[in-house]
Amino acid sequence: VLHFLDTLVERDDLSAMLVSRLGSKYPQISNSKNCEIR
């Protein structure tokens, strides 16, 4: 999961709407209590 997020952070072609949709699709990321994921 961390590698997935690191890869996304390095991109420059996403949008606020797409990232918001990502959070809805993966609540285990957007609602995680794991501080490295947060």
Full PDB file with SEQRES, HELIX, SHEET, SSBOND, CRYST1, ORIGX, SCALE, CONECT and MASTER records, all heavy atoms in Angstrom:
SEQRES   1 A   38  VAL LEU HIS PHE LEU ASP THR LEU VAL GLU ARG ASP ASP          
SEQRES   2 A   38  LEU SER ALA MET LEU VAL SER ARG LEU GLY SER LYS TYR          
SEQRES   3 A   38  PRO GLN ILE SER ASN SER LYS ASN CYS GLU ILE ARG              
HELIX    1 AA1 LEU A    2  VAL A    9  1                                   8    
HELIX    2 AA2 ALA A   16  LYS A   25  1                                  10    
HELIX    3 AA3 PRO A   27  SER A   30  1                                   4    
CRYST1    1.000    1.000    1.000  90.00  90.00  90.00 P 1           1          
ORIGX1      1.000000  0.000000  0.000000        0.00000                         
ORIGX2      0.000000  1.000000  0.000000        0.00000                         
ORIGX3      0.000000  0.000000  1.000000        0.00000                         
SCALE1      1.000000  0.000000  0.000000        0.00000                         
SCALE2      0.000000  1.000000  0.000000        0.00000                         
SCALE3      0.000000  0.000000  1.000000        0.00000                         
ATOM      1  N   VAL A   1       0.840  -1.204   0.000  1.00  0.00           N  
ATOM      2  CA  VAL A   1       0.000   0.000   0.000  1.00  0.00           C  
ATOM      3  C   VAL A   1       0.874   1.253   0.000  1.00  0.00           C  
ATOM      4  O   VAL A   1       0.601   2.223  -0.729  1.00  0.00           O  
ATOM      5  CB  VAL A   1      -0.957  -0.005   1.203  1.00  0.00           C  
ATOM      6  CG1 VAL A   1      -1.758   1.298   1.265  1.00  0.00           C  
ATOM      7  CG2 VAL A   1      -1.904  -1.201   1.145  1.00  0.00           C  
ATOM      8  N   LEU A   2       1.930   1.244   0.792  1.00  0.00           N  
ATOM      9  CA  LEU A   2       2.831   2.401   0.843  1.00  0.00           C  
ATOM     10  C   LEU A   2       3.487   2.626  -0.512  1.00  0.00           C  
ATOM     11  O   LEU A   2       3.626   3.774  -0.975  1.00  0.00           O  
ATOM     12  CB  LEU A   2       3.902   2.206   1.924  1.00  0.00           C  
ATOM     13  CG  LEU A   2       3.408   2.013   3.360  1.00  0.00           C  
ATOM     14  CD1 LEU A   2       4.594   1.949   4.324  1.00  0.00           C  
ATOM     15  CD2 LEU A   2       2.455   3.115   3.787  1.00  0.00           C  
ATOM     16  N   HIS A   3       3.911   1.554  -1.161  1.00  0.00           N  
ATOM     17  CA  HIS A   3       4.550   1.685  -2.477  1.00  0.00           C  
ATOM     18  C   HIS A   3       3.547   2.229  -3.496  1.00  0.00           C  
ATOM     19  O   HIS A   3       3.896   3.071  -4.340  1.00  0.00           O  
ATOM     20  CB  HIS A   3       5.097   0.334  -2.922  1.00  0.00           C  
ATOM     21  CG  HIS A   3       5.913   0.398  -4.170  1.00  0.00           C  
ATOM     22  ND1 HIS A   3       6.992   1.235  -4.321  1.00  0.00           N  
ATOM     23  CD2 HIS A   3       5.795  -0.286  -5.360  1.00  0.00           C  
ATOM     24  CE1 HIS A   3       7.521   1.075  -5.531  1.00  0.00           C  
ATOM     25  NE2 HIS A   3       6.804   0.170  -6.176  1.00  0.00           N  
ATOM     26  N   PHE A   4       2.327   1.779  -3.436  1.00  0.00           N  
ATOM     27  CA  PHE A   4       1.259   2.294  -4.304  1.00  0.00           C  
ATOM     28  C   PHE A   4       1.094   3.799  -4.112  1.00  0.00           C  
ATOM     29  O   PHE A   4       1.067   4.571  -5.083  1.00  0.00           O  
ATOM     30  CB  PHE A   4      -0.033   1.547  -3.965  1.00  0.00           C  
ATOM     31  CG  PHE A   4      -1.278   2.125  -4.568  1.00  0.00           C  
ATOM     32  CD1 PHE A   4      -1.444   2.184  -5.944  1.00  0.00           C  
ATOM     33  CD2 PHE A   4      -2.301   2.593  -3.750  1.00  0.00           C  
ATOM     34  CE1 PHE A   4      -2.611   2.709  -6.499  1.00  0.00           C  
ATOM     35  CE2 PHE A   4      -3.465   3.112  -4.297  1.00  0.00           C  
ATOM     36  CZ  PHE A   4      -3.622   3.168  -5.673  1.00  0.00           C  
ATOM     37  N   LEU A   5       1.026   4.244  -2.860  1.00  0.00           N  
ATOM     38  CA  LEU A   5       0.836   5.668  -2.590  1.00  0.00           C  
ATOM     39  C   LEU A   5       2.069   6.485  -2.957  1.00  0.00           C  
ATOM     40  O   LEU A   5       1.950   7.601  -3.487  1.00  0.00           O  
ATOM     41  CB  LEU A   5       0.467   5.875  -1.120  1.00  0.00           C  
ATOM     42  CG  LEU A   5      -0.915   5.345  -0.715  1.00  0.00           C  
ATOM     43  CD1 LEU A   5      -1.095   5.423   0.802  1.00  0.00           C  
ATOM     44  CD2 LEU A   5      -2.016   6.122  -1.417  1.00  0.00           C  
ATOM     45  N   ASP A   6       3.255   5.954  -2.700  1.00  0.00           N  
ATOM     46  CA  ASP A   6       4.478   6.651  -3.102  1.00  0.00           C  
ATOM     47  C   ASP A   6       4.502   6.860  -4.617  1.00  0.00           C  
ATOM     48  O   ASP A   6       4.905   7.924  -5.112  1.00  0.00           O  
ATOM     49  CB  ASP A   6       5.722   5.856  -2.689  1.00  0.00           C  
ATOM     50  CG  ASP A   6       6.042   5.989  -1.208  1.00  0.00           C  
ATOM     51  OD1 ASP A   6       5.637   6.997  -0.594  1.00  0.00           O  
ATOM     52  OD2 ASP A   6       6.711   5.087  -0.667  1.00  0.00           O  
ATOM     53  N   THR A   7       4.078   5.840  -5.357  1.00  0.00           N  
ATOM     54  CA  THR A   7       4.055   5.945  -6.813  1.00  0.00           C  
ATOM     55  C   THR A   7       3.060   7.011  -7.271  1.00  0.00           C  
ATOM     56  O   THR A   7       3.341   7.797  -8.187  1.00  0.00           O  
ATOM     57  CB  THR A   7       3.698   4.581  -7.437  1.00  0.00           C  
ATOM     58  OG1 THR A   7       4.601   3.581  -6.941  1.00  0.00           O  
ATOM     59  CG2 THR A   7       3.794   4.624  -8.954  1.00  0.00           C  
ATOM     60  N   LEU A   8       1.908   7.071  -6.611  1.00  0.00           N  
ATOM     61  CA  LEU A   8       0.910   8.083  -6.960  1.00  0.00           C  
ATOM     62  C   LEU A   8       1.392   9.486  -6.623  1.00  0.00           C  
ATOM     63  O   LEU A   8       1.161  10.431  -7.390  1.00  0.00           O  
ATOM     64  CB  LEU A   8      -0.407   7.796  -6.232  1.00  0.00           C  
ATOM     65  CG  LEU A   8      -1.251   6.634  -6.740  1.00  0.00           C  
ATOM     66  CD1 LEU A   8      -2.501   6.500  -5.888  1.00  0.00           C  
ATOM     67  CD2 LEU A   8      -1.619   6.823  -8.207  1.00  0.00           C  
ATOM     68  N   VAL A   9       2.052   9.643  -5.475  1.00  0.00           N  
ATOM     69  CA  VAL A   9       2.521  10.968  -5.060  1.00  0.00           C  
ATOM     70  C   VAL A   9       3.510  11.531  -6.080  1.00  0.00           C  
ATOM     71  O   VAL A   9       3.570  12.750  -6.296  1.00  0.00           O  
ATOM     72  CB  VAL A   9       3.147  10.906  -3.651  1.00  0.00           C  
ATOM     73  CG1 VAL A   9       3.913  12.184  -3.324  1.00  0.00           C  
ATOM     74  CG2 VAL A   9       2.066  10.670  -2.596  1.00  0.00           C  
ATOM     75  N   GLU A  10       4.265  10.671  -6.747  1.00  0.00           N  
ATOM     76  CA  GLU A  10       5.253  11.128  -7.726  1.00  0.00           C  
ATOM     77  C   GLU A  10       4.614  11.523  -9.062  1.00  0.00           C  
ATOM     78  O   GLU A  10       5.267  12.158  -9.895  1.00  0.00           O  
ATOM     79  CB  GLU A  10       6.308  10.039  -7.946  1.00  0.00           C  
ATOM     80  CG  GLU A  10       7.214   9.840  -6.738  1.00  0.00           C  
ATOM     81  CD  GLU A  10       8.260   8.770  -6.959  1.00  0.00           C  
ATOM     82  OE1 GLU A  10       8.317   8.229  -8.098  1.00  0.00           O  
ATOM     83  OE2 GLU A  10       9.015   8.469  -6.029  1.00  0.00           O  
ATOM     84  N   ARG A  11       3.340  11.168  -9.262  1.00  0.00           N  
ATOM     85  CA  ARG A  11       2.670  11.562 -10.495  1.00  0.00           C  
ATOM     86  C   ARG A  11       2.240  13.028 -10.440  1.00  0.00           C  
ATOM     87  O   ARG A  11       2.046  13.586  -9.363  1.00  0.00           O  
ATOM     88  CB  ARG A  11       1.448  10.670 -10.754  1.00  0.00           C  
ATOM     89  CG  ARG A  11       1.814   9.290 -11.251  1.00  0.00           C  
ATOM     90  CD  ARG A  11       0.595   8.406 -11.464  1.00  0.00           C  
ATOM     91  NE  ARG A  11      -0.394   8.980 -12.374  1.00  0.00           N  
ATOM     92  CZ  ARG A  11      -1.491   8.326 -12.772  1.00  0.00           C  
ATOM     93  NH1 ARG A  11      -1.697   7.080 -12.369  1.00  0.00           N  
ATOM     94  NH2 ARG A  11      -2.354   8.914 -13.579  1.00  0.00           N  
ATOM     95  N   ASP A  12       2.049  13.622 -11.594  1.00  0.00           N  
ATOM     96  CA  ASP A  12       1.604  15.016 -11.677  1.00  0.00           C  
ATOM     97  C   ASP A  12       0.356  15.173 -12.541  1.00  0.00           C  
ATOM     98  O   ASP A  12      -0.025  16.300 -12.878  1.00  0.00           O  
ATOM     99  CB  ASP A  12       2.725  15.895 -12.271  1.00  0.00           C  
ATOM    100  CG  ASP A  12       3.925  15.997 -11.339  1.00  0.00           C  
ATOM    101  OD1 ASP A  12       3.722  16.205 -10.126  1.00  0.00           O  
ATOM    102  OD2 ASP A  12       5.057  15.854 -11.834  1.00  0.00           O  
ATOM    103  N   ASP A  13      -0.289  14.061 -12.869  1.00  0.00           N  
ATOM    104  CA  ASP A  13      -1.378  14.133 -13.842  1.00  0.00           C  
ATOM    105  C   ASP A  13      -2.723  13.677 -13.267  1.00  0.00           C  
ATOM    106  O   ASP A  13      -3.643  13.335 -14.017  1.00  0.00           O  
ATOM    107  CB  ASP A  13      -1.034  13.279 -15.064  1.00  0.00           C  
ATOM    108  CG  ASP A  13      -0.779  11.810 -14.717  1.00  0.00           C  
ATOM    109  OD1 ASP A  13      -0.570  11.509 -13.508  1.00  0.00           O  
ATOM    110  OD2 ASP A  13      -0.774  10.961 -15.632  1.00  0.00           O  
ATOM    111  N   LEU A  14      -2.856  13.681 -11.939  1.00  0.00           N  
ATOM    112  CA  LEU A  14      -4.136  13.334 -11.330  1.00  0.00           C  
ATOM    113  C   LEU A  14      -4.967  14.605 -11.149  1.00  0.00           C  
ATOM    114  O   LEU A  14      -4.555  15.699 -11.503  1.00  0.00           O  
ATOM    115  CB  LEU A  14      -3.911  12.623  -9.998  1.00  0.00           C  
ATOM    116  CG  LEU A  14      -3.042  11.356 -10.037  1.00  0.00           C  
ATOM    117  CD1 LEU A  14      -2.875  10.760  -8.646  1.00  0.00           C  
ATOM    118  CD2 LEU A  14      -3.635  10.314 -10.986  1.00  0.00           C  
ATOM    119  N   SER A  15      -6.147  14.452 -10.593  1.00  0.00           N  
ATOM    120  CA  SER A  15      -7.025  15.589 -10.323  1.00  0.00           C  
ATOM    121  C   SER A  15      -7.648  15.424  -8.952  1.00  0.00           C  
ATOM    122  O   SER A  15      -7.667  14.320  -8.380  1.00  0.00           O  
ATOM    123  CB  SER A  15      -8.132  15.679 -11.373  1.00  0.00           C  
ATOM    124  OG  SER A  15      -9.004  14.556 -11.257  1.00  0.00           O  
ATOM    125  N   ALA A  16      -8.183  16.507  -8.412  1.00  0.00           N  
ATOM    126  CA  ALA A  16      -8.838  16.440  -7.101  1.00  0.00           C  
ATOM    127  C   ALA A  16     -10.000  15.458  -7.142  1.00  0.00           C  
ATOM    128  O   ALA A  16     -10.224  14.682  -6.196  1.00  0.00           O  
ATOM    129  CB  ALA A  16      -9.314  17.835  -6.685  1.00  0.00           C  
ATOM    130  N   MET A  17     -10.763  15.467  -8.231  1.00  0.00           N  
ATOM    131  CA  MET A  17     -11.908  14.564  -8.336  1.00  0.00           C  
ATOM    132  C   MET A  17     -11.459  13.109  -8.349  1.00  0.00           C  
ATOM    133  O   MET A  17     -12.071  12.244  -7.698  1.00  0.00           O  
ATOM    134  CB  MET A  17     -12.707  14.877  -9.602  1.00  0.00           C  
ATOM    135  CG  MET A  17     -13.966  14.034  -9.760  1.00  0.00           C  
ATOM    136  SD  MET A  17     -14.905  14.490 -11.238  1.00  0.00           S  
ATOM    137  CE  MET A  17     -15.368  16.174 -10.812  1.00  0.00           C  
ATOM    138  N   LEU A  18     -10.363  12.834  -9.067  1.00  0.00           N  
ATOM    139  CA  LEU A  18      -9.879  11.458  -9.162  1.00  0.00           C  
ATOM    140  C   LEU A  18      -9.337  10.985  -7.814  1.00  0.00           C  
ATOM    141  O   LEU A  18      -9.583   9.840  -7.399  1.00  0.00           O  
ATOM    142  CB  LEU A  18      -8.797  11.370 -10.236  1.00  0.00           C  
ATOM    143  CG  LEU A  18      -8.454   9.976 -10.779  1.00  0.00           C  
ATOM    144  CD1 LEU A  18      -9.693   9.295 -11.345  1.00  0.00           C  
ATOM    145  CD2 LEU A  18      -7.370  10.076 -11.833  1.00  0.00           C  
ATOM    146  N   VAL A  19      -8.601  11.837  -7.099  1.00  0.00           N  
ATOM    147  CA  VAL A  19      -8.079  11.462  -5.783  1.00  0.00           C  
ATOM    148  C   VAL A  19      -9.226  11.266  -4.807  1.00  0.00           C  
ATOM    149  O   VAL A  19      -9.210  10.339  -3.981  1.00  0.00           O  
ATOM    150  CB  VAL A  19      -7.087  12.535  -5.278  1.00  0.00           C  
ATOM    151  CG1 VAL A  19      -6.683  12.251  -3.838  1.00  0.00           C  
ATOM    152  CG2 VAL A  19      -5.851  12.581  -6.173  1.00  0.00           C  
ATOM    153  N   SER A  20     -10.252  12.099  -4.886  1.00  0.00           N  
ATOM    154  CA  SER A  20     -11.421  11.926  -4.023  1.00  0.00           C  
ATOM    155  C   SER A  20     -12.110  10.597  -4.304  1.00  0.00           C  
ATOM    156  O   SER A  20     -12.525   9.877  -3.388  1.00  0.00           O  
ATOM    157  CB  SER A  20     -12.388  13.086  -4.241  1.00  0.00           C  
ATOM    158  OG  SER A  20     -13.513  12.955  -3.397  1.00  0.00           O  
ATOM    159  N   ARG A  21     -12.227  10.261  -5.588  1.00  0.00           N  
ATOM    160  CA  ARG A  21     -12.821   8.971  -5.954  1.00  0.00           C  
ATOM    161  C   ARG A  21     -11.962   7.818  -5.434  1.00  0.00           C  
ATOM    162  O   ARG A  21     -12.481   6.785  -5.009  1.00  0.00           O  
ATOM    163  CB  ARG A  21     -12.974   8.891  -7.473  1.00  0.00           C  
ATOM    164  CG  ARG A  21     -13.674   7.637  -7.944  1.00  0.00           C  
ATOM    165  CD  ARG A  21     -13.807   7.606  -9.452  1.00  0.00           C  
ATOM    166  NE  ARG A  21     -14.669   8.683  -9.939  1.00  0.00           N  
ATOM    167  CZ  ARG A  21     -14.981   8.853 -11.236  1.00  0.00           C  
ATOM    168  NH1 ARG A  21     -14.499   8.022 -12.153  1.00  0.00           N  
ATOM    169  NH2 ARG A  21     -15.757   9.851 -11.612  1.00  0.00           N  
ATOM    170  N   LEU A  22     -10.644   8.003  -5.472  1.00  0.00           N  
ATOM    171  CA  LEU A  22      -9.729   6.985  -4.945  1.00  0.00           C  
ATOM    172  C   LEU A  22      -9.996   6.741  -3.468  1.00  0.00           C  
ATOM    173  O   LEU A  22     -10.029   5.594  -2.998  1.00  0.00           O  
ATOM    174  CB  LEU A  22      -8.288   7.448  -5.162  1.00  0.00           C  
ATOM    175  CG  LEU A  22      -7.165   6.493  -4.779  1.00  0.00           C  
ATOM    176  CD1 LEU A  22      -6.996   5.419  -5.844  1.00  0.00           C  
ATOM    177  CD2 LEU A  22      -5.849   7.254  -4.614  1.00  0.00           C  
ATOM    178  N   GLY A  23     -10.194   7.833  -2.702  1.00  0.00           N  
ATOM    179  CA  GLY A  23     -10.472   7.691  -1.278  1.00  0.00           C  
ATOM    180  C   GLY A  23     -11.769   6.961  -1.011  1.00  0.00           C  
ATOM    181  O   GLY A  23     -11.877   6.180  -0.053  1.00  0.00           O  
ATOM    182  N   SER A  24     -12.774   7.189  -1.840  1.00  0.00           N  
ATOM    183  CA  SER A  24     -14.056   6.499  -1.678  1.00  0.00           C  
ATOM    184  C   SER A  24     -13.939   5.020  -2.017  1.00  0.00           C  
ATOM    185  O   SER A  24     -14.530   4.162  -1.351  1.00  0.00           O  
ATOM    186  CB  SER A  24     -15.118   7.152  -2.568  1.00  0.00           C  
ATOM    187  OG  SER A  24     -15.313   8.501  -2.211  1.00  0.00           O  
ATOM    188  N   LYS A  25     -13.150   4.716  -3.048  1.00  0.00           N  
ATOM    189  CA  LYS A  25     -12.974   3.323  -3.473  1.00  0.00           C  
ATOM    190  C   LYS A  25     -12.186   2.526  -2.444  1.00  0.00           C  
ATOM    191  O   LYS A  25     -12.461   1.346  -2.214  1.00  0.00           O  
ATOM    192  CB  LYS A  25     -12.251   3.305  -4.819  1.00  0.00           C  
ATOM    193  CG  LYS A  25     -11.745   1.950  -5.277  1.00  0.00           C  
ATOM    194  CD  LYS A  25     -12.860   1.006  -5.662  1.00  0.00           C  
ATOM    195  CE  LYS A  25     -12.289  -0.299  -6.236  1.00  0.00           C  
ATOM    196  NZ  LYS A  25     -13.347  -1.271  -6.564  1.00  0.00           N  
ATOM    197  N   TYR A  26     -11.197   3.192  -1.805  1.00  0.00           N  
ATOM    198  CA  TYR A  26     -10.310   2.478  -0.882  1.00  0.00           C  
ATOM    199  C   TYR A  26     -10.368   3.118   0.509  1.00  0.00           C  
ATOM    200  O   TYR A  26      -9.436   3.819   0.918  1.00  0.00           O  
ATOM    201  CB  TYR A  26      -8.874   2.490  -1.405  1.00  0.00           C  
ATOM    202  CG  TYR A  26      -8.708   1.847  -2.762  1.00  0.00           C  
ATOM    203  CD1 TYR A  26      -8.294   2.602  -3.854  1.00  0.00           C  
ATOM    204  CD2 TYR A  26      -8.974   0.492  -2.949  1.00  0.00           C  
ATOM    205  CE1 TYR A  26      -8.139   2.022  -5.105  1.00  0.00           C  
ATOM    206  CE2 TYR A  26      -8.825  -0.101  -4.190  1.00  0.00           C  
ATOM    207  CZ  TYR A  26      -8.409   0.666  -5.266  1.00  0.00           C  
ATOM    208  OH  TYR A  26      -8.271   0.072  -6.502  1.00  0.00           O  
ATOM    209  N   PRO A  27     -11.436   2.864   1.266  1.00  0.00           N  
ATOM    210  CA  PRO A  27     -11.509   3.434   2.620  1.00  0.00           C  
ATOM    211  C   PRO A  27     -10.417   2.903   3.537  1.00  0.00           C  
ATOM    212  O   PRO A  27     -10.083   3.555   4.533  1.00  0.00           O  
ATOM    213  CB  PRO A  27     -12.909   3.019   3.094  1.00  0.00           C  
ATOM    214  CG  PRO A  27     -13.272   1.835   2.247  1.00  0.00           C  
ATOM    215  CD  PRO A  27     -12.632   2.088   0.923  1.00  0.00           C  
ATOM    216  N   GLN A  28      -9.844   1.728   3.207  1.00  0.00           N  
ATOM    217  CA  GLN A  28      -8.741   1.217   4.024  1.00  0.00           C  
ATOM    218  C   GLN A  28      -7.516   2.107   3.904  1.00  0.00           C  
ATOM    219  O   GLN A  28      -6.596   2.025   4.723  1.00  0.00           O  
ATOM    220  CB  GLN A  28      -8.397  -0.231   3.660  1.00  0.00           C  
ATOM    221  CG  GLN A  28      -7.926  -0.462   2.233  1.00  0.00           C  
ATOM    222  CD  GLN A  28      -9.038  -0.833   1.289  1.00  0.00           C  
ATOM    223  OE1 GLN A  28      -9.979  -0.066   1.126  1.00  0.00           O  
ATOM    224  NE2 GLN A  28      -8.942  -2.016   0.674  1.00  0.00           N  
ATOM    225  N   ILE A  29      -7.487   2.983   2.907  1.00  0.00           N  
ATOM    226  CA  ILE A  29      -6.443   4.005   2.790  1.00  0.00           C  
ATOM    227  C   ILE A  29      -6.918   5.320   3.394  1.00  0.00           C  
ATOM    228  O   ILE A  29      -6.287   5.874   4.285  1.00  0.00           O  
ATOM    229  CB  ILE A  29      -6.031   4.206   1.314  1.00  0.00           C  
ATOM    230  CG1 ILE A  29      -5.268   2.980   0.809  1.00  0.00           C  
ATOM    231  CG2 ILE A  29      -5.181   5.462   1.163  1.00  0.00           C  
ATOM    232  CD1 ILE A  29      -4.877   3.065  -0.659  1.00  0.00           C  
ATOM    233  N   SER A  30      -8.044   5.827   2.919  1.00  0.00           N  
ATOM    234  CA  SER A  30      -8.488   7.160   3.335  1.00  0.00           C  
ATOM    235  C   SER A  30      -8.898   7.215   4.798  1.00  0.00           C  
ATOM    236  O   SER A  30      -8.827   8.275   5.423  1.00  0.00           O  
ATOM    237  CB  SER A  30      -9.643   7.623   2.449  1.00  0.00           C  
ATOM    238  OG  SER A  30     -10.706   6.695   2.466  1.00  0.00           O  
ATOM    239  N   ASN A  31      -9.305   6.072   5.382  1.00  0.00           N  
ATOM    240  CA  ASN A  31      -9.699   6.037   6.793  1.00  0.00           C  
ATOM    241  C   ASN A  31      -8.709   5.273   7.660  1.00  0.00           C  
ATOM    242  O   ASN A  31      -9.021   4.927   8.795  1.00  0.00           O  
ATOM    243  CB  ASN A  31     -11.092   5.400   6.945  1.00  0.00           C  
ATOM    244  CG  ASN A  31     -12.172   6.190   6.245  1.00  0.00           C  
ATOM    245  OD1 ASN A  31     -12.097   7.421   6.150  1.00  0.00           O  
ATOM    246  ND2 ASN A  31     -13.199   5.505   5.741  1.00  0.00           N  
ATOM    247  N   SER A  32      -7.531   5.010   7.124  1.00  0.00           N  
ATOM    248  CA  SER A  32      -6.558   4.184   7.851  1.00  0.00           C  
ATOM    249  C   SER A  32      -6.081   4.866   9.128  1.00  0.00           C  
ATOM    250  O   SER A  32      -5.942   6.095   9.186  1.00  0.00           O  
ATOM    251  CB  SER A  32      -5.349   3.895   6.950  1.00  0.00           C  
ATOM    252  OG  SER A  32      -4.365   3.161   7.643  1.00  0.00           O  
ATOM    253  N   LYS A  33      -5.810   4.053  10.142  1.00  0.00           N  
ATOM    254  CA  LYS A  33      -5.186   4.535  11.375  1.00  0.00           C  
ATOM    255  C   LYS A  33      -3.683   4.296  11.365  1.00  0.00           C  
ATOM    256  O   LYS A  33      -2.989   4.674  12.310  1.00  0.00           O  
ATOM    257  CB  LYS A  33      -5.810   3.831  12.591  1.00  0.00           C  
ATOM    258  CG  LYS A  33      -7.315   4.025  12.723  1.00  0.00           C  
ATOM    259  CD  LYS A  33      -7.694   5.502  12.798  1.00  0.00           C  
ATOM    260  CE  LYS A  33      -9.202   5.683  12.932  1.00  0.00           C  
ATOM    261  NZ  LYS A  33      -9.583   7.115  12.868  1.00  0.00           N  
ATOM    262  N   ASN A  34      -3.180   3.657  10.314  1.00  0.00           N  
ATOM    263  CA  ASN A  34      -1.748   3.416  10.176  1.00  0.00           C  
ATOM    264  C   ASN A  34      -1.075   4.720   9.760  1.00  0.00           C  
ATOM    265  O   ASN A  34      -1.381   5.292   8.711  1.00  0.00           O  
ATOM    266  CB  ASN A  34      -1.522   2.329   9.115  1.00  0.00           C  
ATOM    267  CG  ASN A  34      -0.064   1.958   8.948  1.00  0.00           C  
ATOM    268  OD1 ASN A  34       0.770   2.795   8.659  1.00  0.00           O  
ATOM    269  ND2 ASN A  34       0.230   0.669   9.107  1.00  0.00           N  
ATOM    270  N   CYS A  35      -0.153   5.208  10.586  1.00  0.00           N  
ATOM    271  CA  CYS A  35       0.408   6.540  10.363  1.00  0.00           C  
ATOM    272  C   CYS A  35       1.235   6.633   9.083  1.00  0.00           C  
ATOM    273  O   CYS A  35       1.308   7.709   8.465  1.00  0.00           O  
ATOM    274  CB  CYS A  35       1.255   6.958  11.563  1.00  0.00           C  
ATOM    275  SG  CYS A  35       0.266   7.394  13.012  1.00  0.00           S  
ATOM    276  N   GLU A  36       1.885   5.547   8.664  1.00  0.00           N  
ATOM    277  CA  GLU A  36       2.638   5.589   7.416  1.00  0.00           C  
ATOM    278  C   GLU A  36       1.705   5.767   6.228  1.00  0.00           C  
ATOM    279  O   GLU A  36       2.014   6.503   5.285  1.00  0.00           O  
ATOM    280  CB  GLU A  36       3.475   4.312   7.258  1.00  0.00           C  
ATOM    281  CG  GLU A  36       4.603   4.171   8.247  1.00  0.00           C  
ATOM    282  CD  GLU A  36       5.759   5.139   7.969  1.00  0.00           C  
ATOM    283  OE1 GLU A  36       5.906   5.575   6.818  1.00  0.00           O  
ATOM    284  OE2 GLU A  36       6.498   5.444   8.918  1.00  0.00           O  
ATOM    285  N   ILE A  37       0.554   5.098   6.267  1.00  0.00           N  
ATOM    286  CA  ILE A  37      -0.441   5.284   5.208  1.00  0.00           C  
ATOM    287  C   ILE A  37      -1.028   6.695   5.283  1.00  0.00           C  
ATOM    288  O   ILE A  37      -1.181   7.376   4.262  1.00  0.00           O  
ATOM    289  CB  ILE A  37      -1.552   4.220   5.330  1.00  0.00           C  
ATOM    290  CG1 ILE A  37      -0.985   2.816   5.032  1.00  0.00           C  
ATOM    291  CG2 ILE A  37      -2.716   4.539   4.387  1.00  0.00           C  
ATOM    292  CD1 ILE A  37      -1.980   1.691   5.242  1.00  0.00           C  
ATOM    293  N   ARG A  38      -1.330   7.152   6.495  1.00  0.00           N  
ATOM    294  CA  ARG A  38      -1.930   8.484   6.644  1.00  0.00           C  
ATOM    295  C   ARG A  38      -0.999   9.574   6.129  1.00  0.00           C  
ATOM    296  O   ARG A  38      -1.452  10.543   5.515  1.00  0.00           O  
ATOM    297  CB  ARG A  38      -2.286   8.742   8.112  1.00  0.00           C  
ATOM    298  CG  ARG A  38      -3.412   7.873   8.620  1.00  0.00           C  
ATOM    299  CD  ARG A  38      -3.713   8.108  10.085  1.00  0.00           C  
ATOM    300  NE  ARG A  38      -4.478   9.330  10.303  1.00  0.00           N  
ATOM    301  CZ  ARG A  38      -4.917   9.711  11.503  1.00  0.00           C  
ATOM    302  NH1 ARG A  38      -4.650   8.980  12.573  1.00  0.00           N  
ATOM    303  NH2 ARG A  38      -5.608  10.834  11.632  1.00  0.00           N  
TER     304      ARG A  38                                                      
MASTER        0    0    0    3    0    0    0    6  303    1    0    3          
END                                                                             
